[in-house]
Amino acid sequence: MNGIALFDLDHTLLPIDSDHEWGRYLVKRGVVDGAHYAQENERFYQDYQAGRLDIYAFLEFALQPLANHTREQLANWHADFMQEVIQPALRDSARQLVEQHQSAGHICAVVTATNSFVTRPIAHAFGVEHLIATEPATENNDPNARFTGQVAGLPNFREGKVIRVENWLASLNLTWATVGETWFYSDSMNDLPLLEKVQNPIATNPDQRLRAESIRRGWKILDLFA
């Protein structure tokens, strides 16, 4: 087995935070209560950056708009979001990083705390088949049914990323011991548990705390958008 390359998404492969930008997009389109939603969106974003995010409180906030609208309407908004917000944020440097691993025969996966409704089309835009993300619950557990506003299973956040990646490896009949060489690219101290699990932790566009920790540990630092 040649190995696996895992990529955080927001501020790692993207120079923006797709979860935060999706919230801003909903405000702009008038889908949510503008002033209140914008204020809460900013508050949760600051909590995430400071490492004090209550993930369940955030998901209750972030997933509720999905439950308030049909899948068709949501898909239409997301297609517009991709064109307006995400496509302009796709950088050749990030695409090339993914392609280098793919060309080497590594299994690539985007591993993000942002929910899969928001991130699956973005992973596809990078040509990445495997997405490990926080999963929004659907009615009767039907993947095509209406969203409930709840989270399904364990959020893909902090230590949860390690568990979710290990479950994904098991689904491929792999383990950390059998998968070969491992890489994880991330910008955030929130991802320290998964960075510590791989053989090649790479602080990518790191926040101040992760940059300092990476220097202390001798980890590679990669500034994709410099």
Foldseek 3Di string as FASTA:
>chain_A
DAFAEEEAPACFQFVHGLLLVVQVLCLVVVLDDNPVSNVVSVVQVVCVQVVNHPLQVVLLSSLVSQQVDAPVVLVVSLVVCCVPPVVVRRDPLSLVVVVVCVVSVHQYEYQYLDECSRCVVVCVVSVHDHYHYWYFAAVVSDPNHGTDSHTDPDGSWQVNVVVSVQVVQVVVVHHLVRRHAYEYEEAEPRNVVVLVSGPAYENESHDPVVVVVCVVVVHHYHDSPD
